[in-house]
Amino acid sequence: MYRYIIVDDESLIRRGTRKKLESMQDMLTCVGEASDGQEAIRLAEELKPDLAIVDMQMPNMSGMELLPILHQKHPDIKLIVISGFRDFDYIKQAIASGAVDYILKPFSKEAIQKCVKTALSAIEDQETITRQITSTTEEKESAYYEYDIQYLTNLILGYHTGSSRISSKKLNFINDTHHLVLMTLYFGKKRPDMDMQGWVEEQGFGDLALYLSDKSVPELGFLILFMPTRNAINTQNLVLQISDALLILGRAHQVSLQIGISPSHEDLTELHQAFRETSSALNDQLLDNSLPSVYTYEKETPPRTLVWDREDEFLFRLEAGMNEEVRKLTAELFLFMKKQKNFTLNDAKYYCYTLTAECQRIMNYYLKQENPGTSGSMQNIVSHIFHLEELEEYYLQFFLNMTDLLKPQSVYALDDVVEKMQLYMQFNYQKDLTQDYIASLFYMNRSYLSTIFKQRTGMKFVDYLNNIRIEKAMEYLQTSDRKMYQIAKSVGYDNTKYFFRVFKKKTGMTPEQYREKFR
């Protein structure tokens, strides 16, 4: 029976991880939990676990500090790193510390179990692998080849900096390359079940092309074309030939393949720049284009802004913990984006980033987290998604997870509908709030809302809203030097003259007189 510990400052994540590994209890058992690196060191000394699942972001001692200590003091402990960031420094530290795998939050049961099985296999085979690496010249060459493959993959993903030369004889031709082109292949969830490098060699491109895969993002593949001479025409023809062959392969395997192509580069150290260019090209695909396509990088295109008239309602449903409504609105959002003329995947990602930031603001209010980094984490993850359907699936899961977390804590968990309305108005006074809109949020007839609101509060809806806005304006007038039109806008009045009339009616003074008196 193998033993493992979980190191994460979030108890919810620790419980969730143990739950996801319950079906493997005949193979391993959790012997301890730690909320920071210092406590993890103590557990490692006392319990001698076979495996440690470590988060990178923790108080007191982070995963960045903990990993090298565990690697040095307890080299036999296999490490699985979890994080909300696809961060270069984190991954570099994980690689340097001999981590078995690096997995991004939120992860599925299948993903963490796969990592654990890999770790257990590594424990069982460690001595055998060591003998294989050092036994014969052929095995050494195999080790050099695997190292070179990993080195090139790390260059593409930006995990390695600095220059180096290829060590294996099989790939030695790369050292004589004068320029290269990167093709990034996005297979989505379904990819050909075959040896892609073997396919490259069967097509006659084995002396010029090398296929690489990213273990952390199985949907991605990379094809590097190495050209011994700089001939733009020959390079273009080769790219077209390989692209056509890849699209035929995709159709044969019923895979909706997307291909991004970089310009020509002169050095291996430029591979990460080439990857960024191919990603940019893939992000420029139009949302209404569902056919397998080839995209060549030309220039960076700034994202377009999107105005979705149901955004405020979506944020309310999410904050109120209304799962089914959030599910429906998410589907409506992606359908709305798809119907926009000339709307690209990059535009869709940009809007989702901004929407995520608003969701995070709500989450911070309830969980009192100052720098949780969820929005940045999402941005890192979705940057490697190049199908709209998969982007929708990812965000839907994220929004539903947030909804589940907020549901028991939401201020809208109250039974009294008028109190819910009052709370919503207090939190969202700066928005364009009308009786029709509030009635739609709470599934109520407008006239009935007006009647019940006045009965319960003794005030008309519009008067109650104006009171909230004017009180906030009074606060701004006392504590800030904002101009009048800025204050009016910030409390929900687009018309400054109307703001002046309402303010004087409520206070008996103009905003300027109030500022002068109470400054």
Protein backbone atom coordinates (compact mmCIF):
# COMPACT_ATOMS: atom_id res chain seq x y z
CA MET A 1 0.00 0.00 0.00
CA TYR A 2 1.45 3.34 -1.06
CA ARG A 3 1.13 6.39 1.20
CA TYR A 4 0.63 10.02 0.19
CA ILE A 5 0.23 13.48 1.71
CA ILE A 6 -1.62 16.55 0.40
CA VAL A 7 -0.06 20.00 0.77
CA ASP A 8 -2.53 22.84 0.03
CA ASP A 9 -3.70 25.84 2.05
CA GLU A 10 -7.30 25.43 0.85
CA SER A 11 -9.16 22.78 2.87
CA LEU A 12 -11.77 22.53 0.11
CA ILE A 13 -9.10 21.51 -2.39
CA ARG A 14 -7.63 18.98 0.05
CA ARG A 15 -11.02 17.39 0.67
CA GLY A 16 -11.80 17.37 -3.02
CA THR A 17 -8.47 15.72 -3.88
CA ARG A 18 -9.01 12.95 -1.32
CA LYS A 19 -12.50 12.42 -2.65
CA LYS A 20 -11.21 12.09 -6.22
CA LEU A 21 -8.69 9.43 -5.10
CA GLU A 22 -11.12 7.32 -3.02
CA SER A 23 -11.59 4.78 -5.81
CA MET A 24 -7.82 4.03 -5.62
CA GLN A 25 -7.86 3.22 -1.90
CA ASP A 26 -6.80 -0.36 -2.58
CA MET A 27 -3.53 1.02 -3.94
CA LEU A 28 -2.77 4.03 -1.76
CA THR A 29 -3.94 5.90 1.31
CA CYS A 30 -3.68 9.49 2.54
CA VAL A 31 -1.57 9.63 5.71
CA GLY A 32 -1.54 13.39 6.28
CA GLU A 33 -2.48 16.89 5.18
CA ALA A 34 -0.52 20.14 5.42
CA SER A 35 -1.63 23.73 4.84
CA ASP A 36 1.85 25.16 4.14
CA GLY A 37 5.40 24.13 3.28
CA GLN A 38 6.73 24.10 6.85
CA GLU A 39 4.08 21.66 7.99
CA ALA A 40 4.75 19.53 4.88
CA ILE A 41 8.45 19.21 5.79
CA ARG A 42 7.47 17.94 9.24
CA LEU A 43 5.05 15.39 7.73
CA ALA A 44 7.68 14.20 5.26
CA GLU A 45 10.14 13.60 8.13
CA GLU A 46 7.63 11.81 10.35
CA LEU A 47 5.52 9.82 7.88
CA LYS A 48 7.98 9.04 5.04
CA PRO A 49 5.26 9.10 2.34
CA ASP A 50 5.80 7.67 -1.13
CA LEU A 51 4.00 10.53 -2.84
CA ALA A 52 3.26 14.23 -2.16
CA ILE A 53 0.62 16.32 -3.94
CA VAL A 54 1.83 19.92 -3.57
CA ASP A 55 0.15 23.26 -4.33
CA MET A 56 2.44 26.08 -5.52
CA GLN A 57 0.67 29.00 -3.83
CA MET A 58 0.62 28.80 -0.02
CA PRO A 59 1.30 31.13 2.92
CA ASN A 60 4.41 30.94 5.14
CA MET A 61 6.32 28.65 2.77
CA SER A 62 5.11 28.32 -0.82
CA GLY A 63 5.50 25.38 -3.15
CA MET A 64 8.36 27.23 -4.88
CA GLU A 65 10.34 27.05 -1.60
CA LEU A 66 9.13 23.62 -0.56
CA LEU A 67 9.84 21.61 -3.73
CA PRO A 68 13.67 21.93 -3.76
CA ILE A 69 13.80 21.05 -0.03
CA LEU A 70 11.74 17.89 -0.53
CA HIS A 71 13.76 17.00 -3.64
CA GLN A 72 17.03 17.35 -1.74
CA LYS A 73 16.08 15.80 1.60
CA HIS A 74 13.62 13.16 0.35
CA PRO A 75 14.53 12.34 -3.28
CA ASP A 76 12.48 9.11 -3.16
CA ILE A 77 9.19 11.00 -2.61
CA LYS A 78 7.44 11.40 -5.94
CA LEU A 79 5.97 14.90 -6.39
CA ILE A 80 2.79 15.96 -8.17
CA VAL A 81 2.45 19.73 -8.46
CA ILE A 82 -0.97 21.43 -8.62
CA SER A 83 -1.54 25.10 -9.37
CA GLY A 84 -4.03 27.59 -10.71
CA PHE A 85 -1.34 29.04 -12.98
CA ARG A 86 0.38 27.78 -16.12
CA ASP A 87 3.34 29.83 -14.90
CA PHE A 88 6.86 29.53 -16.32
CA ASP A 89 8.62 29.89 -12.97
CA TYR A 90 6.31 27.34 -11.30
CA ILE A 91 6.74 24.76 -14.04
CA LYS A 92 10.49 25.35 -14.19
CA GLN A 93 10.74 24.74 -10.44
CA ALA A 94 8.58 21.63 -10.74
CA ILE A 95 10.83 20.26 -13.51
CA ALA A 96 13.99 21.14 -11.56
CA SER A 97 12.62 19.33 -8.51
CA GLY A 98 11.90 16.16 -10.47
CA ALA A 99 8.11 16.42 -10.25
CA VAL A 100 6.23 13.58 -11.93
CA ASP A 101 3.56 15.90 -13.30
CA TYR A 102 2.15 19.44 -13.19
CA ILE A 103 -1.64 19.72 -13.15
CA LEU A 104 -3.83 22.83 -13.33
CA LYS A 105 -6.81 23.66 -11.12
CA PRO A 106 -9.64 22.92 -11.39
CA PHE A 107 -8.73 19.31 -12.24
CA SER A 108 -10.99 16.34 -12.78
CA LYS A 109 -10.97 12.99 -10.98
CA GLU A 110 -9.58 11.34 -14.12
CA ALA A 111 -6.74 13.86 -14.38
CA ILE A 112 -5.48 13.49 -10.79
CA GLN A 113 -5.84 9.69 -10.90
CA LYS A 114 -3.81 9.59 -14.10
CA CYS A 115 -1.04 11.63 -12.44
CA VAL A 116 -1.05 9.36 -9.39
CA LYS A 117 -0.85 6.22 -11.53
CA THR A 118 2.10 7.74 -13.39
CA ALA A 119 3.80 8.45 -10.06
CA LEU A 120 3.19 4.93 -8.77
CA SER A 121 4.54 3.49 -12.00
CA ALA A 122 7.61 5.68 -11.63
CA ILE A 123 8.15 4.38 -8.10
CA GLU A 124 7.93 0.77 -9.27
CA ASP A 125 10.15 1.26 -12.30
CA GLN A 126 12.71 3.66 -10.85
CA GLU A 127 15.50 1.13 -10.41
CA THR A 128 14.82 -0.48 -13.79
CA ILE A 129 14.86 2.88 -15.58
CA THR A 130 18.14 3.82 -13.93
CA ARG A 131 19.79 0.60 -15.14
CA GLN A 132 18.42 1.09 -18.65
CA ILE A 133 19.83 4.59 -18.97
CA THR A 134 23.35 3.60 -17.98
CA SER A 135 23.67 0.08 -19.43
CA THR A 136 24.49 0.37 -23.13
CA THR A 137 25.42 2.90 -25.76
CA GLU A 138 22.11 2.36 -27.51
CA GLU A 139 20.20 3.07 -24.36
CA LYS A 140 22.28 6.18 -23.73
CA GLU A 141 21.43 7.41 -27.21
CA SER A 142 17.77 6.79 -26.45
CA ALA A 143 18.12 8.86 -23.28
CA TYR A 144 19.81 11.67 -25.23
CA TYR A 145 16.99 11.58 -27.78
CA GLU A 146 14.30 11.81 -25.10
CA TYR A 147 16.21 14.66 -23.47
CA ASP A 148 16.40 16.54 -26.78
CA ILE A 149 12.69 16.02 -27.40
CA GLN A 150 11.87 17.42 -23.96
CA TYR A 151 14.34 20.27 -24.47
CA LEU A 152 12.69 21.31 -27.75
CA THR A 153 9.22 21.02 -26.21
CA ASN A 154 10.31 23.21 -23.30
CA LEU A 155 11.71 25.77 -25.75
CA ILE A 156 8.36 25.97 -27.53
CA LEU A 157 6.36 26.36 -24.32
CA GLY A 158 8.80 28.89 -22.86
CA TYR A 159 10.04 26.69 -20.01
CA HIS A 160 13.67 26.91 -21.09
CA THR A 161 15.88 29.89 -21.88
CA GLY A 162 19.41 30.12 -23.20
CA SER A 163 21.10 28.38 -26.11
CA SER A 164 22.14 24.76 -26.31
CA ARG A 165 22.96 22.11 -28.89
CA ILE A 166 21.20 18.89 -29.75
CA SER A 167 22.95 15.88 -28.19
CA SER A 168 21.41 12.81 -29.86
CA LYS A 169 22.79 11.49 -33.15
CA LYS A 170 19.30 11.01 -34.60
CA LEU A 171 18.53 14.72 -34.26
CA ASN A 172 22.01 16.04 -34.94
CA PHE A 173 20.85 17.48 -38.29
CA ILE A 174 19.07 20.21 -36.32
CA ASN A 175 22.43 21.72 -35.36
CA ASP A 176 23.04 22.53 -39.04
CA THR A 177 19.63 24.14 -39.57
CA HIS A 178 19.61 27.67 -40.99
CA HIS A 179 15.96 28.45 -40.32
CA LEU A 180 12.80 26.80 -39.05
CA VAL A 181 9.01 27.10 -39.16
CA LEU A 182 6.67 25.97 -36.37
CA MET A 183 3.25 24.44 -37.05
CA THR A 184 0.99 24.20 -34.00
CA LEU A 185 -1.70 21.52 -34.37
CA TYR A 186 -4.85 21.70 -32.28
CA PHE A 187 -6.80 18.44 -32.33
CA GLY A 188 -9.34 19.26 -29.66
CA LYS A 189 -10.57 16.38 -27.51
CA LYS A 190 -10.32 13.83 -30.30
CA ARG A 191 -6.92 13.22 -31.83
CA PRO A 192 -5.58 10.46 -34.11
CA ASP A 193 -4.60 7.38 -32.11
CA MET A 194 -1.30 6.89 -33.90
CA ASP A 195 2.44 7.58 -33.88
CA MET A 196 2.55 11.06 -35.40
CA GLN A 197 6.34 11.08 -35.88
CA GLY A 198 6.01 7.76 -37.66
CA TRP A 199 3.36 9.31 -39.89
CA VAL A 200 5.69 12.25 -40.66
CA GLU A 201 8.41 9.82 -41.74
CA GLU A 202 5.97 7.78 -43.84
CA GLN A 203 5.01 10.97 -45.70
CA GLY A 204 8.65 11.51 -46.64
CA PHE A 205 9.28 14.47 -44.32
CA GLY A 206 11.39 12.64 -41.72
CA ASP A 207 14.64 14.46 -42.59
CA LEU A 208 13.03 17.89 -42.36
CA ALA A 209 10.25 17.66 -39.76
CA LEU A 210 9.96 16.64 -36.11
CA TYR A 211 6.68 16.08 -34.28
CA LEU A 212 6.41 16.96 -30.57
CA SER A 213 3.56 16.70 -28.07
CA ASP A 214 2.75 18.55 -24.87
CA LYS A 215 1.89 16.15 -22.03
CA SER A 216 0.21 18.88 -20.00
CA VAL A 217 -2.03 19.88 -22.95
CA PRO A 218 -2.77 16.68 -24.90
CA GLU A 219 -4.94 18.57 -27.40
CA LEU A 220 -1.82 20.31 -28.74
CA GLY A 221 0.86 19.00 -31.06
CA PHE A 222 3.85 20.72 -32.68
CA LEU A 223 5.57 20.12 -35.99
CA ILE A 224 8.93 21.85 -36.47
CA LEU A 225 10.17 22.16 -40.05
CA PHE A 226 13.96 22.44 -40.25
CA MET A 227 15.29 23.91 -43.51
CA PRO A 228 19.03 23.66 -44.30
CA THR A 229 18.90 26.61 -46.73
CA ARG A 230 16.87 29.81 -46.68
CA ASN A 231 14.54 29.54 -49.66
CA ALA A 232 11.14 31.12 -49.09
CA ILE A 233 9.49 29.39 -52.06
CA ASN A 234 10.62 25.91 -51.04
CA THR A 235 9.58 26.57 -47.46
CA GLN A 236 6.13 27.75 -48.50
CA ASN A 237 5.64 24.72 -50.74
CA LEU A 238 6.71 22.37 -47.95
CA VAL A 239 4.31 24.00 -45.49
CA LEU A 240 1.45 23.67 -47.98
CA GLN A 241 2.25 20.01 -48.68
CA ILE A 242 2.37 19.09 -45.01
CA SER A 243 -0.75 21.15 -44.21
CA ASP A 244 -2.73 19.39 -46.93
CA ALA A 245 -1.52 16.00 -45.75
CA LEU A 246 -2.47 16.84 -42.14
CA LEU A 247 -5.97 17.96 -43.13
CA ILE A 248 -6.48 14.71 -45.05
CA LEU A 249 -5.31 12.81 -41.96
CA GLY A 250 -7.74 14.80 -39.79
CA ARG A 251 -10.68 14.04 -42.06
CA ALA A 252 -9.77 10.35 -42.14
CA HIS A 253 -9.89 10.27 -38.33
CA GLN A 254 -12.91 12.64 -38.10
CA VAL A 255 -10.86 15.24 -36.25
CA SER A 256 -11.65 18.96 -36.57
CA LEU A 257 -8.00 19.95 -36.92
CA GLN A 258 -6.78 23.56 -36.64
CA ILE A 259 -3.27 24.47 -37.81
CA GLY A 260 -1.35 27.64 -36.93
CA ILE A 261 1.80 28.47 -38.89
CA SER A 262 4.61 30.79 -37.82
CA PRO A 263 6.90 32.89 -40.00
CA SER A 264 10.45 31.64 -40.56
CA HIS A 265 12.88 31.86 -37.62
CA GLU A 266 16.64 31.45 -37.52
CA ASP A 267 17.38 29.92 -34.12
CA LEU A 268 15.97 27.33 -31.73
CA THR A 269 15.73 29.94 -28.99
CA GLU A 270 13.01 31.66 -31.08
CA LEU A 271 10.68 28.66 -30.84
CA HIS A 272 8.61 30.19 -28.06
CA GLN A 273 8.09 33.35 -30.11
CA ALA A 274 7.03 31.10 -32.99
CA PHE A 275 4.53 29.36 -30.68
CA ARG A 276 3.05 32.69 -29.64
CA GLU A 277 2.67 33.59 -33.31
CA THR A 278 0.89 30.32 -34.12
CA SER A 279 -1.41 30.82 -31.11
CA SER A 280 -2.24 34.30 -32.33
CA ALA A 281 -3.01 32.92 -35.79
CA LEU A 282 -5.31 30.23 -34.34
CA ASN A 283 -7.08 32.82 -32.19
CA ASP A 284 -7.90 34.84 -35.32
CA GLN A 285 -10.25 32.14 -36.62
CA LEU A 286 -13.84 33.27 -37.13
CA LEU A 287 -16.37 31.68 -34.80
CA ASP A 288 -18.74 30.70 -37.60
CA ASN A 289 -16.00 28.68 -39.36
CA SER A 290 -16.37 25.04 -38.27
CA LEU A 291 -14.26 23.48 -41.05
CA PRO A 292 -10.67 22.29 -40.49
CA SER A 293 -8.54 25.33 -41.28
CA VAL A 294 -4.99 26.55 -41.68
CA TYR A 295 -4.06 29.94 -40.23
CA THR A 296 -0.81 31.74 -41.02
CA TYR A 297 0.45 34.43 -38.67
CA GLU A 298 0.57 37.94 -40.10
CA LYS A 299 0.27 40.38 -37.21
CA GLU A 300 -1.26 40.75 -33.74
CA THR A 301 -4.93 41.75 -33.89
CA PRO A 302 -6.35 43.63 -30.88
CA PRO A 303 -9.57 42.11 -29.52
CA ARG A 304 -12.95 43.69 -30.18
CA THR A 305 -15.22 44.72 -27.33
CA LEU A 306 -18.60 43.08 -26.91
CA VAL A 307 -21.76 44.44 -25.31
CA TRP A 308 -23.99 41.66 -23.99
CA ASP A 309 -27.24 43.06 -22.62
CA ARG A 310 -27.70 40.14 -20.22
CA GLU A 311 -24.35 40.45 -18.45
CA ASP A 312 -25.79 42.04 -15.29
CA GLU A 313 -28.47 39.37 -15.09
CA PHE A 314 -25.82 36.65 -15.55
CA LEU A 315 -23.74 38.04 -12.67
CA PHE A 316 -26.82 38.20 -10.45
CA ARG A 317 -27.82 34.59 -11.22
CA LEU A 318 -24.28 33.44 -10.50
CA GLU A 319 -24.09 35.36 -7.22
CA ALA A 320 -27.50 34.05 -6.18
CA GLY A 321 -26.35 30.44 -6.73
CA MET A 322 -28.85 29.71 -9.52
CA ASN A 323 -27.17 26.85 -11.38
CA GLU A 324 -29.72 26.15 -14.09
CA GLU A 325 -30.08 29.83 -14.99
CA VAL A 326 -26.27 30.21 -15.17
CA ARG A 327 -26.08 27.17 -17.44
CA LYS A 328 -28.72 28.61 -19.80
CA LEU A 329 -27.20 32.09 -19.86
CA THR A 330 -23.73 30.70 -20.60
CA ALA A 331 -25.12 28.83 -23.59
CA GLU A 332 -26.92 32.00 -24.69
CA LEU A 333 -23.70 34.03 -24.38
CA PHE A 334 -21.70 31.72 -26.63
CA LEU A 335 -24.52 31.57 -29.18
CA PHE A 336 -24.66 35.38 -29.09
CA MET A 337 -20.90 35.62 -29.73
CA LYS A 338 -21.10 33.13 -32.56
CA LYS A 339 -23.74 35.26 -34.29
CA GLN A 340 -21.57 38.39 -34.21
CA LYS A 341 -20.24 39.34 -37.63
CA ASN A 342 -16.49 38.70 -38.09
CA PHE A 343 -16.15 37.77 -34.40
CA THR A 344 -12.99 35.80 -33.69
CA LEU A 345 -11.97 33.30 -31.05
CA ASN A 346 -9.64 35.97 -29.66
CA ASP A 347 -12.59 38.35 -29.26
CA ALA A 348 -14.55 35.63 -27.44
CA LYS A 349 -11.66 34.93 -25.07
CA TYR A 350 -11.24 38.62 -24.32
CA TYR A 351 -14.89 39.04 -23.36
CA CYS A 352 -14.75 35.91 -21.21
CA TYR A 353 -11.66 37.31 -19.46
CA THR A 354 -13.56 40.50 -18.57
CA LEU A 355 -16.61 38.53 -17.43
CA THR A 356 -14.40 36.30 -15.28
CA ALA A 357 -12.93 39.40 -13.63
CA GLU A 358 -16.44 40.50 -12.62
CA CYS A 359 -17.16 37.02 -11.25
CA GLN A 360 -13.90 37.16 -9.31
CA ARG A 361 -14.90 40.50 -7.80
CA ILE A 362 -18.06 38.86 -6.48
CA MET A 363 -16.09 35.87 -5.18
CA ASN A 364 -13.60 38.13 -3.40
CA TYR A 365 -16.45 39.87 -1.59
CA TYR A 366 -17.65 36.60 -0.07
CA LEU A 367 -14.36 34.78 0.47
CA LYS A 368 -12.36 37.88 1.48
CA GLN A 369 -9.44 36.92 -0.78
CA GLU A 370 -7.18 39.80 -1.74
CA ASN A 371 -5.10 38.21 -4.50
CA PRO A 372 -6.54 34.80 -5.41
CA GLY A 373 -5.37 35.04 -9.04
CA THR A 374 -8.26 33.02 -10.47
CA SER A 375 -8.74 35.38 -13.41
CA GLY A 376 -5.05 35.13 -14.33
CA SER A 377 -5.20 31.39 -13.92
CA MET A 378 -8.15 31.15 -16.30
CA GLN A 379 -6.36 33.32 -18.83
CA ASN A 380 -3.35 31.00 -18.79
CA ILE A 381 -5.49 27.92 -19.27
CA VAL A 382 -7.80 29.14 -22.02
CA SER A 383 -4.87 30.52 -24.00
CA HIS A 384 -4.29 26.88 -25.04
CA ILE A 385 -7.88 26.26 -26.17
CA PHE A 386 -8.62 26.83 -29.86
CA HIS A 387 -12.14 25.40 -30.33
CA LEU A 388 -15.18 27.48 -29.38
CA GLU A 389 -17.11 24.45 -28.11
CA GLU A 390 -14.28 23.50 -25.75
CA LEU A 391 -13.94 27.11 -24.61
CA GLU A 392 -17.66 27.12 -23.79
CA GLU A 393 -17.37 23.81 -21.95
CA TYR A 394 -14.45 25.08 -19.87
CA TYR A 395 -16.12 28.35 -18.90
CA LEU A 396 -19.43 26.64 -18.17
CA GLN A 397 -17.70 24.37 -15.66
CA PHE A 398 -15.89 27.35 -14.14
CA PHE A 399 -19.08 29.41 -13.79
CA LEU A 400 -20.99 26.46 -12.32
CA ASN A 401 -18.20 25.82 -9.81
CA MET A 402 -18.41 29.47 -8.73
CA THR A 403 -22.20 29.24 -8.50
CA ASP A 404 -21.96 26.18 -6.25
CA LEU A 405 -19.46 27.93 -3.97
CA LEU A 406 -21.57 31.07 -3.70
CA LYS A 407 -24.96 29.41 -3.26
CA PRO A 408 -24.77 28.73 0.51
CA GLN A 409 -23.09 32.10 1.22
CA SER A 410 -25.05 34.42 -1.07
CA VAL A 411 -26.84 37.37 0.44
CA TYR A 412 -29.68 36.47 -1.94
CA ALA A 413 -30.31 33.25 -0.02
CA LEU A 414 -32.93 35.20 1.96
CA ASP A 415 -36.56 34.12 1.66
CA ASP A 416 -37.95 37.66 1.55
CA VAL A 417 -38.04 38.87 -2.08
CA VAL A 418 -38.23 42.57 -1.16
CA GLU A 419 -35.12 42.27 0.99
CA LYS A 420 -33.39 40.62 -1.97
CA MET A 421 -34.38 43.55 -4.18
CA GLN A 422 -33.09 46.05 -1.63
CA LEU A 423 -29.77 44.23 -1.39
CA TYR A 424 -29.41 44.10 -5.15
CA MET A 425 -30.08 47.83 -5.44
CA GLN A 426 -27.57 48.61 -2.67
CA PHE A 427 -24.85 46.61 -4.43
CA ASN A 428 -25.67 47.72 -7.99
CA TYR A 429 -26.96 51.28 -7.64
CA GLN A 430 -24.45 52.52 -10.24
CA LYS A 431 -26.08 50.43 -12.98
CA ASP A 432 -29.12 51.24 -15.11
CA LEU A 433 -31.76 49.84 -12.75
CA THR A 434 -35.41 50.01 -13.77
CA GLN A 435 -38.52 48.43 -12.32
CA ASP A 436 -38.88 46.30 -15.43
CA TYR A 437 -35.34 44.97 -15.06
CA ILE A 438 -35.64 44.25 -11.32
CA ALA A 439 -39.00 42.57 -11.93
CA SER A 440 -37.42 40.29 -14.55
CA LEU A 441 -34.60 39.33 -12.17
CA PHE A 442 -37.06 38.16 -9.54
CA TYR A 443 -39.63 36.71 -11.94
CA MET A 444 -42.28 39.21 -10.89
CA ASN A 445 -44.91 41.36 -12.63
CA ARG A 446 -43.85 45.04 -12.76
CA SER A 447 -47.05 46.44 -11.26
CA TYR A 448 -47.05 43.84 -8.50
CA LEU A 449 -43.42 44.72 -7.71
CA SER A 450 -44.35 48.39 -7.41
CA THR A 451 -47.22 47.59 -5.04
CA ILE A 452 -45.40 45.13 -2.76
CA PHE A 453 -42.25 47.27 -2.64
CA LYS A 454 -44.16 50.34 -1.40
CA GLN A 455 -46.15 48.26 1.08
CA ARG A 456 -43.01 46.78 2.62
CA THR A 457 -40.69 49.83 2.54
CA GLY A 458 -43.14 52.75 2.61
CA MET A 459 -41.36 54.18 -0.44
CA LYS A 460 -41.69 54.04 -4.17
CA PHE A 461 -39.09 51.99 -6.02
CA VAL A 462 -37.53 55.04 -7.69
CA ASP A 463 -37.37 57.01 -4.41
CA TYR A 464 -35.64 54.13 -2.63
CA LEU A 465 -33.08 53.88 -5.43
CA ASN A 466 -32.50 57.64 -5.47
CA ASN A 467 -31.89 57.60 -1.70
CA ILE A 468 -29.16 55.00 -2.10
CA ARG A 469 -27.53 56.92 -4.96
CA ILE A 470 -27.68 60.31 -3.22
CA GLU A 471 -26.20 58.89 0.01
CA LYS A 472 -23.29 57.52 -2.01
CA ALA A 473 -22.91 60.83 -3.82
CA MET A 474 -22.78 62.63 -0.46
CA GLU A 475 -19.95 60.33 0.57
CA TYR A 476 -18.01 61.11 -2.61
CA LEU A 477 -18.57 64.84 -2.15
CA GLN A 478 -17.13 64.70 1.36
CA THR A 479 -14.16 62.44 0.67
CA SER A 480 -13.05 63.09 -2.91
CA ASP A 481 -12.26 65.84 -5.42
CA ARG A 482 -14.14 64.19 -8.27
CA LYS A 483 -15.91 66.47 -10.69
CA MET A 484 -19.70 66.63 -10.52
CA TYR A 485 -20.31 64.77 -13.76
CA GLN A 486 -17.94 62.00 -12.58
CA ILE A 487 -19.82 61.62 -9.29
CA ALA A 488 -23.16 61.62 -11.10
CA LYS A 489 -21.94 58.89 -13.46
CA SER A 490 -20.44 56.79 -10.66
CA VAL A 491 -23.73 56.65 -8.72
CA GLY A 492 -25.92 55.81 -11.72
CA TYR A 493 -26.96 59.14 -13.28
CA ASP A 494 -26.03 59.69 -16.92
CA ASN A 495 -27.80 63.07 -16.90
CA THR A 496 -25.91 65.50 -14.64
CA LYS A 497 -28.76 68.03 -14.55
CA TYR A 498 -31.16 65.35 -13.35
CA PHE A 499 -28.63 64.37 -10.67
CA PHE A 500 -28.54 68.00 -9.47
CA ARG A 501 -32.36 68.14 -9.24
CA VAL A 502 -32.63 64.87 -7.29
CA PHE A 503 -29.75 65.85 -4.99
CA LYS A 504 -31.27 69.23 -4.12
CA LYS A 505 -34.68 67.67 -3.55
CA LYS A 506 -33.21 65.16 -1.08
CA THR A 507 -30.77 67.46 0.75
CA GLY A 508 -32.05 71.00 0.22
CA MET A 509 -28.65 71.94 -1.24
CA THR A 510 -26.85 71.71 -4.56
CA PRO A 511 -23.93 69.26 -4.71
CA GLU A 512 -21.47 72.22 -4.68
CA GLN A 513 -23.08 73.70 -1.56
CA TYR A 514 -23.01 70.32 0.14
CA ARG A 515 -19.32 69.83 -0.64
CA GLU A 516 -18.47 73.30 0.65
CA LYS A 517 -20.42 72.80 3.89
CA PHE A 518 -19.20 69.30 4.78
CA ARG A 519 -15.73 69.28 3.28
